Every structure is written in structure tokens, then in C-alpha cells.
Amino acid sequence: MTIKLRSLRLPDDYEAIAELLNTVWSEPSTAESLREADEKLYEVGHTWFDENGLLAGYDRERQVAVTEQGEIAGYVWSWRAPWTEPGYLCNTLVVAEEYRNRGIGKLLLRHTVDWASKLGAVALIAEVWDDHQAAIAFAGQRGFIIERHAFQSLLKLDGNQPQRLDAMLEGFIEPKEIRFLTLADEPGEESELKLYQLYKESLIDIPGFLGDVPELGEWRKWYLKVDGYAPERVIIAADGDRFVGITNVLHNPQTNGMYHEYTGVSRDYRGRGIAFALKVKAVQLAMNSKAAYLRTDNDSTNAPILKINRRLGYTPLRGSYRIIAQLRHVQERLGTSII
């Protein structure tokens, strides 16, 4: 079997890439959602080296592996944004199940390493499911090490949920002097700016957070108004005019499921039950919307949020490892490794 790499042909490749990504992503994508994400991107090719000699700026590279018949058997996407950790490139590499163990993953990775080397990157970062032993072994043999562990949690919503939630909330009192609203209640530039300041404060406290907080316009595109966003699903905790807590709940029409994109609370308001109240209101929102489930991802060391999830009845699912490799180590391994 002959496999060749080529650049993307868009929009023709969107459908096949979405199908491939859906074999590994927990929330399904579509050709349309991939196209919309591309429309948010910068023009490619604007990198430099910072004061420490590390790669900064933004760029991306994408390739597909195709068979002689033109079928897409694999895909790799390597990128960095202006807020990505200096020196790092983020990566997604997927090979169709029926084409695995034929050298396609190595071919795609070698292309990525060559591109990363030309840019001057020093490290590669990716994610792999913690129960995908073949993928973990593939990465480990090529110099990647496990750096963080995150867990998925799922709350299935059914007819018994209101009763179960009432039982869980017995004795719970909402934080005093805190009002809860949505971005639809107070829309506009001022509210979004207050949310941005809240994100800037709380994002960097997430265990394992890397890089910088994006500037306002990019934050809007990649953190707030992402696929599945609606202002009525951005739940806010406020003390007077100050926004002190946020949970952004996204809706996926393909599955009729909802996903916690982010939950954060200002440092000086933590320990007062605000995060729990926000999570409760997200569950109530999902129930009122007749969603099939709520899903979230949390770092394994984020004990306060994991405790809240357990209290609300979330079931732990498989997790994911964040894996990191020094570029020179991958280059060394690719020179001798055989699939």
C-alpha cells in the first residue's frame, strides 16, 4: 500500500477530517464546525523568538495521509497561537483505525518534526486517551512523557434528575449578597470586558495551565464564543456590578448534550460556595433545556471541582494524558524507531 502526504484541499477535505476526528474526540465535530473554526484563524506564518530565544507568535501546518485511491487515512495538525507556551507546538495526530500499524503515524509525525525544526520549536505537546494503550505506547517510544492527567465526568439527565438534585441540595444555601444572571441579561462590551478580566485572573490558577491568556479579541473567539455558545448559557455570579464567577455551558445539537467549557471564580471569593452554585445552575439549565447529558473535563489535581462534580452525581469516565516531548528526543527516536 502506498501512502502519500499532501496539504489540505478545502473545503473538500472537511467532511473526511471531521469523520476522522470524531473517532477520537469526545464531542463530535462537523465539516461546518471545522470550516467556521478556520474562519477564526490568523493568516499563517508569523513567528519570532522571544527574549529567551524561544519560539513565539503563531503558525500552523496541516497534512493528510492519503491512499492510492485518494482516501484520507490520517491527519496531523500542528500549531501555536500567540498565547501558547514559548517554544511549544500543539499537535493533533489521528490515523484511521483500519490503517493503523502501517507506518502512517510515523510518517505524519516525521513531517511535523521537520516542520517544527524549521520553525525553531523546542517541544511538542499533545493529548492521548488514558485507556488507549497503543497510542500511549506509540508516543512513549518516540520520546513523549506524560505531564498531566485530566478526567472526563458525565452527568446523564433523566426523569429522576430533579428529585436527585433536590436531595443533593438539601441544606445548601446560595452565597449571600451574590446575584446570578446570564450574559443575555446584561449583554454588551462592558459585560464581556468584565468576564475577560475574570478569566484573566482565574485561568492561570487552573492546574497545568500553560502559556498566556489571549488578548481580548482572541479570547472572545476561542474561549467565550466558541462552537455551541449562547449568551443565555453563560452563567455569571456577581457581587454588585463586579463579576466574580462564571460557567460557560456549550450545546452540541448533534448529541443534544451540553459541555462545561469553563468554570472559574475570583480568588477572593473562593470557598463561599459560588462554584457549586454555578454548577447547580448549569445542571438546572441543562434539565430545563431537556439536554441528554452534561459533560466536563477536569485536571486530576483540581480537587475542589472534582468534589463538586461527585456531589452532583457526575460519573467519572476515561481520562486523557497531556504528553510533552523535547523535539530533539523525537528526532532521535524517529531515526531508529520502527512501527
Protein backbone atom coordinates (compact mmCIF):
# COMPACT_ATOMS: atom_id res chain seq x y z
CA MET A 1 0.00 0.00 0.00
CA THR A 2 1.33 3.40 -0.99
CA ILE A 3 0.61 6.33 1.32
CA LYS A 4 1.43 9.90 0.44
CA LEU A 5 1.14 13.13 2.39
CA ARG A 6 -0.43 16.23 0.94
CA SER A 7 -1.72 19.59 2.08
CA LEU A 8 -5.42 20.04 2.74
CA ARG A 9 -7.83 20.67 -0.11
CA LEU A 10 -10.55 22.79 1.35
CA PRO A 11 -13.46 22.72 1.59
CA ASP A 12 -13.43 19.21 0.07
CA ASP A 13 -11.46 17.61 2.93
CA TYR A 14 -13.56 18.96 5.79
CA GLU A 15 -16.03 16.07 5.79
CA ALA A 16 -13.39 13.34 5.87
CA ILE A 17 -11.34 15.14 8.52
CA ALA A 18 -14.41 15.58 10.73
CA GLU A 19 -15.17 11.86 10.46
CA LEU A 20 -11.60 11.05 11.41
CA LEU A 21 -11.52 13.44 14.36
CA ASN A 22 -14.83 12.08 15.61
CA THR A 23 -13.17 8.71 16.17
CA VAL A 24 -11.08 10.28 18.96
CA TRP A 25 -12.80 13.50 20.09
CA SER A 26 -15.32 13.19 22.90
CA GLU A 27 -17.67 15.81 21.43
CA PRO A 28 -18.36 15.33 17.70
CA SER A 29 -17.46 17.91 15.11
CA THR A 30 -18.84 18.55 11.63
CA ALA A 31 -17.46 19.82 8.36
CA GLU A 32 -19.29 23.07 9.03
CA SER A 33 -17.82 23.49 12.54
CA LEU A 34 -14.31 22.90 11.19
CA ARG A 35 -14.89 25.46 8.46
CA GLU A 36 -16.16 28.00 10.99
CA ALA A 37 -13.11 27.41 13.19
CA ASP A 38 -10.83 28.01 10.21
CA GLU A 39 -12.53 31.33 9.57
CA LYS A 40 -11.39 32.49 13.02
CA LEU A 41 -7.74 31.73 12.34
CA TYR A 42 -4.97 34.13 11.56
CA GLU A 43 -3.08 34.06 8.34
CA VAL A 44 -0.29 31.54 8.79
CA GLY A 45 3.36 32.27 9.31
CA HIS A 46 4.07 34.96 11.89
CA THR A 47 6.63 33.64 14.40
CA TRP A 48 9.68 35.10 16.09
CA PHE A 49 11.98 34.35 19.02
CA ASP A 50 11.40 35.99 22.38
CA GLU A 51 13.97 37.47 24.74
CA ASN A 52 14.84 33.97 25.93
CA GLY A 53 15.40 32.67 22.41
CA LEU A 54 12.17 30.64 22.41
CA LEU A 55 9.66 30.43 19.58
CA ALA A 56 6.78 32.91 19.91
CA GLY A 57 3.96 34.12 17.67
CA TYR A 58 1.67 31.93 15.61
CA ASP A 59 1.70 29.50 12.72
CA ARG A 60 0.17 26.17 11.74
CA GLU A 61 0.73 23.22 9.45
CA ARG A 62 -1.76 20.55 8.37
CA GLN A 63 -1.28 17.44 6.28
CA VAL A 64 -3.38 14.41 5.40
CA ALA A 65 -2.12 10.94 4.56
CA VAL A 66 -3.95 9.56 1.53
CA THR A 67 -4.11 6.15 -0.11
CA GLU A 68 -3.63 5.45 -3.80
CA GLN A 69 -7.42 5.69 -4.13
CA GLY A 70 -7.41 9.15 -2.55
CA GLU A 71 -8.95 8.08 0.78
CA ILE A 72 -7.79 10.07 3.79
CA ALA A 73 -6.16 7.58 6.18
CA GLY A 74 -4.55 10.02 8.62
CA TYR A 75 -4.37 13.65 9.62
CA VAL A 76 -1.94 15.82 11.55
CA TRP A 77 -2.42 19.38 12.70
CA SER A 78 0.42 21.28 14.37
CA TRP A 79 0.01 24.84 15.57
CA ARG A 80 0.81 27.54 18.03
CA ALA A 81 -1.16 30.66 18.97
CA PRO A 82 0.32 33.91 20.32
CA TRP A 83 -0.57 32.75 23.85
CA THR A 84 0.93 29.25 23.52
CA GLU A 85 3.84 28.45 25.88
CA PRO A 86 7.05 29.81 24.31
CA GLY A 87 8.91 27.17 22.32
CA TYR A 88 5.95 24.78 22.17
CA LEU A 89 3.82 23.48 19.31
CA CYS A 90 0.41 21.89 19.96
CA ASN A 91 -0.46 18.80 17.94
CA THR A 92 -3.30 16.52 16.90
CA LEU A 93 -2.42 13.31 15.07
CA VAL A 94 -5.04 10.73 14.09
CA VAL A 95 -4.84 7.60 11.96
CA ALA A 96 -7.98 5.79 10.82
CA GLU A 97 -8.34 2.53 12.75
CA GLU A 98 -8.26 0.34 9.64
CA TYR A 99 -4.94 1.89 8.59
CA ARG A 100 -3.05 1.71 11.87
CA ASN A 101 0.24 -0.16 12.32
CA ARG A 102 1.29 0.56 8.74
CA GLY A 103 3.71 3.43 9.36
CA ILE A 104 1.24 6.25 8.73
CA GLY A 105 1.53 7.71 12.24
CA LYS A 106 5.31 7.75 11.97
CA LEU A 107 5.10 9.41 8.54
CA LEU A 108 2.81 12.16 9.85
CA LEU A 109 4.91 12.68 12.96
CA ARG A 110 8.11 12.91 10.95
CA HIS A 111 6.56 15.64 8.79
CA THR A 112 5.54 17.53 11.94
CA VAL A 113 9.02 17.21 13.43
CA ASP A 114 10.62 18.51 10.24
CA TRP A 115 8.26 21.49 10.18
CA ALA A 116 8.79 22.16 13.89
CA SER A 117 12.55 22.04 13.45
CA LYS A 118 12.44 24.60 10.63
CA LEU A 119 10.34 26.91 12.82
CA GLY A 120 12.75 26.58 15.72
CA ALA A 121 10.39 24.93 18.22
CA VAL A 122 11.88 23.05 21.16
CA ALA A 123 8.94 20.93 22.35
CA LEU A 124 5.78 19.20 21.13
CA ILE A 125 2.61 18.86 23.18
CA ALA A 126 -0.43 16.64 22.53
CA GLU A 127 -3.15 14.65 24.29
CA VAL A 128 -3.94 10.95 24.31
CA TRP A 129 -6.74 8.98 25.98
CA ASP A 130 -5.53 7.23 29.13
CA ASP A 131 -7.07 3.93 28.02
CA HIS A 132 -5.61 3.96 24.50
CA GLN A 133 -2.60 1.77 25.17
CA ALA A 134 -1.46 1.61 21.56
CA ALA A 135 -1.39 5.41 21.26
CA ILE A 136 0.39 5.77 24.62
CA ALA A 137 3.00 3.24 23.51
CA PHE A 138 3.43 4.96 20.12
CA ALA A 139 4.05 8.30 21.83
CA GLY A 140 6.31 6.87 24.53
CA GLN A 141 8.51 5.10 22.01
CA ARG A 142 9.07 8.44 20.31
CA GLY A 143 10.13 10.46 23.31
CA PHE A 144 6.83 11.75 24.77
CA ILE A 145 6.30 11.67 28.51
CA ILE A 146 3.07 12.08 30.50
CA GLU A 147 2.90 15.54 32.02
CA ARG A 148 -0.72 15.89 33.27
CA HIS A 149 -3.77 13.71 33.75
CA ALA A 150 -7.30 15.04 33.23
CA PHE A 151 -10.61 13.31 33.82
CA GLN A 152 -13.88 13.39 31.96
CA SER A 153 -17.06 13.40 34.02
CA LEU A 154 -20.58 12.80 32.72
CA LEU A 155 -23.95 13.62 34.22
CA LYS A 156 -26.74 11.79 32.42
CA LEU A 157 -30.01 13.67 32.61
CA ASP A 158 -33.20 11.67 33.02
CA GLY A 159 -36.64 11.92 34.54
CA ASN A 160 -35.31 11.33 38.06
CA GLN A 161 -32.77 14.14 37.92
CA PRO A 162 -34.89 16.86 39.61
CA GLN A 163 -35.53 14.60 42.61
CA ARG A 164 -31.88 13.59 42.84
CA LEU A 165 -30.78 17.21 42.59
CA ASP A 166 -33.21 18.27 45.33
CA ALA A 167 -31.74 15.60 47.60
CA MET A 168 -28.18 16.72 46.86
CA LEU A 169 -29.06 20.35 47.57
CA GLU A 170 -30.69 19.69 50.92
CA GLY A 171 -29.25 22.23 53.34
CA PHE A 172 -27.47 24.19 50.62
CA ILE A 173 -27.89 27.97 50.78
CA GLU A 174 -26.83 30.19 47.91
CA PRO A 175 -23.98 32.57 48.78
CA LYS A 176 -25.31 35.73 50.40
CA GLU A 177 -25.08 39.01 48.52
CA ILE A 178 -24.31 37.17 45.28
CA ARG A 179 -26.71 37.52 42.39
CA PHE A 180 -26.82 35.11 39.45
CA LEU A 181 -27.52 36.17 35.91
CA THR A 182 -26.58 35.30 32.35
CA LEU A 183 -24.76 37.24 29.67
CA ALA A 184 -28.12 37.53 27.91
CA ASP A 185 -29.40 39.50 30.93
CA GLU A 186 -26.57 42.04 30.69
CA PRO A 187 -25.14 41.84 27.16
CA GLY A 188 -22.61 44.13 25.60
CA GLU A 189 -18.99 45.24 25.56
CA GLU A 190 -18.83 46.20 29.24
CA SER A 191 -20.05 42.80 30.42
CA GLU A 192 -17.70 40.93 28.10
CA LEU A 193 -14.79 43.01 29.35
CA LYS A 194 -15.68 42.15 32.95
CA LEU A 195 -15.83 38.47 32.02
CA TYR A 196 -12.45 38.77 30.33
CA GLN A 197 -10.90 40.20 33.48
CA LEU A 198 -12.39 37.31 35.45
CA TYR A 199 -10.91 34.80 33.01
CA LYS A 200 -7.51 36.52 33.17
CA GLU A 201 -7.50 36.11 36.92
CA SER A 202 -8.85 32.58 37.18
CA LEU A 203 -7.48 30.81 34.08
CA ILE A 204 -3.90 30.95 35.29
CA ASP A 205 -4.91 29.18 38.52
CA ILE A 206 -6.10 26.07 36.69
CA PRO A 207 -3.71 23.20 37.50
CA GLY A 208 -1.49 22.61 34.50
CA PHE A 209 -2.38 25.84 32.67
CA LEU A 210 0.31 26.69 30.13
CA GLY A 211 1.07 29.81 28.16
CA ASP A 212 -0.67 33.16 28.48
CA VAL A 213 -4.26 34.40 28.48
CA PRO A 214 -5.18 35.58 24.95
CA GLU A 215 -5.86 39.22 24.29
CA LEU A 216 -9.50 40.30 24.37
CA GLY A 217 -10.44 39.70 20.74
CA GLU A 218 -8.87 36.24 20.63
CA TRP A 219 -10.40 35.34 23.99
CA ARG A 220 -13.81 36.12 22.55
CA LYS A 221 -13.20 33.77 19.60
CA TRP A 222 -11.52 30.85 21.36
CA TYR A 223 -12.81 30.92 24.95
CA LEU A 224 -16.20 32.63 25.01
CA LYS A 225 -17.97 32.50 21.66
CA VAL A 226 -16.87 29.01 20.70
CA ASP A 227 -18.92 26.37 18.90
CA GLY A 228 -22.14 25.82 20.89
CA TYR A 229 -22.08 29.22 22.62
CA ALA A 230 -25.17 31.21 23.50
CA PRO A 231 -25.28 34.22 25.88
CA GLU A 232 -28.17 32.68 27.83
CA ARG A 233 -25.87 29.76 28.68
CA VAL A 234 -23.10 31.95 30.09
CA ILE A 235 -23.98 31.88 33.80
CA ILE A 236 -22.45 34.63 35.92
CA ALA A 237 -22.12 35.24 39.66
CA ALA A 238 -21.94 38.93 40.55
CA ASP A 239 -21.31 40.94 43.68
CA GLY A 240 -22.95 44.23 42.83
CA ASP A 241 -21.57 45.18 39.44
CA ARG A 242 -18.48 43.01 39.77
CA PHE A 243 -18.45 39.62 38.03
CA VAL A 244 -16.90 37.13 40.45
CA GLY A 245 -17.83 33.75 38.95
CA ILE A 246 -18.53 32.25 35.53
CA THR A 247 -19.56 28.99 33.94
CA ASN A 248 -19.89 28.80 30.18
CA VAL A 249 -22.12 25.93 29.01
CA LEU A 250 -22.00 24.88 25.36
CA HIS A 251 -24.66 22.95 23.45
CA ASN A 252 -23.95 20.28 20.85
CA PRO A 253 -27.02 19.83 18.61
CA GLN A 254 -25.65 16.55 17.19
CA THR A 255 -25.89 14.83 20.56
CA ASN A 256 -28.26 17.20 22.35
CA GLY A 257 -25.59 17.29 25.02
CA MET A 258 -24.06 20.17 26.95
CA TYR A 259 -20.45 20.75 27.91
CA HIS A 260 -18.88 22.90 30.65
CA GLU A 261 -16.37 24.92 28.65
CA TYR A 262 -15.16 26.71 31.76
CA THR A 263 -15.97 27.39 35.40
CA GLY A 264 -13.98 29.96 37.37
CA VAL A 265 -14.28 32.10 40.49
CA SER A 266 -12.30 35.16 41.58
CA ARG A 267 -9.62 34.34 44.14
CA ASP A 268 -11.05 36.43 46.96
CA TYR A 269 -14.50 34.85 46.52
CA ARG A 270 -13.45 31.21 46.64
CA GLY A 271 -14.60 28.94 49.43
CA ARG A 272 -18.03 30.56 49.60
CA GLY A 273 -19.98 28.01 47.56
CA ILE A 274 -20.05 30.09 44.36
CA ALA A 275 -18.53 27.40 42.15
CA PHE A 276 -21.01 24.86 43.48
CA ALA A 277 -23.92 27.24 42.89
CA LEU A 278 -22.75 27.88 39.33
CA LYS A 279 -22.51 24.14 38.69
CA VAL A 280 -26.01 23.63 40.11
CA LYS A 281 -27.42 26.33 37.85
CA ALA A 282 -25.71 24.68 34.88
CA VAL A 283 -27.44 21.40 35.75
CA GLN A 284 -30.78 23.18 36.08
CA LEU A 285 -30.20 24.92 32.74
CA ALA A 286 -29.46 21.60 31.06
CA MET A 287 -32.54 19.98 32.58
CA ASN A 288 -34.76 22.88 31.52
CA SER A 289 -33.30 22.62 28.02
CA LYS A 290 -34.01 18.86 28.00
CA ALA A 291 -30.37 18.11 27.26
CA ALA A 292 -29.34 14.46 27.25
CA TYR A 293 -26.25 14.99 29.39
CA LEU A 294 -23.71 17.38 30.83
CA ARG A 295 -20.01 16.64 30.34
CA THR A 296 -16.91 18.27 31.74
CA ASP A 297 -13.14 17.78 31.90
CA ASN A 298 -11.02 18.50 34.96
CA ASP A 299 -7.39 18.15 35.89
CA SER A 300 -6.75 15.24 38.26
CA THR A 301 -5.28 17.63 40.85
CA ASN A 302 -8.25 20.04 40.85
CA ALA A 303 -9.73 18.53 44.00
CA PRO A 304 -12.36 21.25 44.77
CA ILE A 305 -14.07 20.94 41.38
CA LEU A 306 -13.84 17.15 41.34
CA LYS A 307 -15.53 17.10 44.75
CA ILE A 308 -18.35 19.29 43.42
CA ASN A 309 -18.81 17.01 40.41
CA ARG A 310 -19.07 13.93 42.62
CA ARG A 311 -21.61 15.66 44.85
CA LEU A 312 -23.77 16.49 41.83
CA GLY A 313 -23.70 12.90 40.61
CA TYR A 314 -21.20 13.12 37.76
CA THR A 315 -19.80 9.75 36.75
CA PRO A 316 -16.06 9.54 36.05
CA LEU A 317 -15.23 8.47 32.51
CA ARG A 318 -11.92 7.78 30.84
CA GLY A 319 -9.35 10.50 31.15
CA SER A 320 -6.65 11.94 28.96
CA TYR A 321 -2.93 12.45 29.37
CA ARG A 322 -1.19 15.61 28.29
CA ILE A 323 2.05 14.42 26.77
CA ILE A 324 5.14 16.50 26.07
CA ALA A 325 8.36 15.75 24.22
CA GLN A 326 11.51 17.69 23.60
CA LEU A 327 11.83 18.00 19.84
CA ARG A 328 15.38 16.64 19.84
CA HIS A 329 14.21 13.48 21.62
CA VAL A 330 11.54 12.82 18.99
CA GLN A 331 14.07 13.38 16.24
CA GLU A 332 16.41 10.86 17.83
CA ARG A 333 13.70 8.24 18.24
CA LEU A 334 12.34 8.68 14.73
CA GLY A 335 15.78 7.96 13.39
CA THR A 336 15.74 4.43 14.82
CA SER A 337 12.15 3.50 15.68
CA ILE A 338 10.16 1.06 13.55
CA ILE A 339 6.38 0.64 13.57
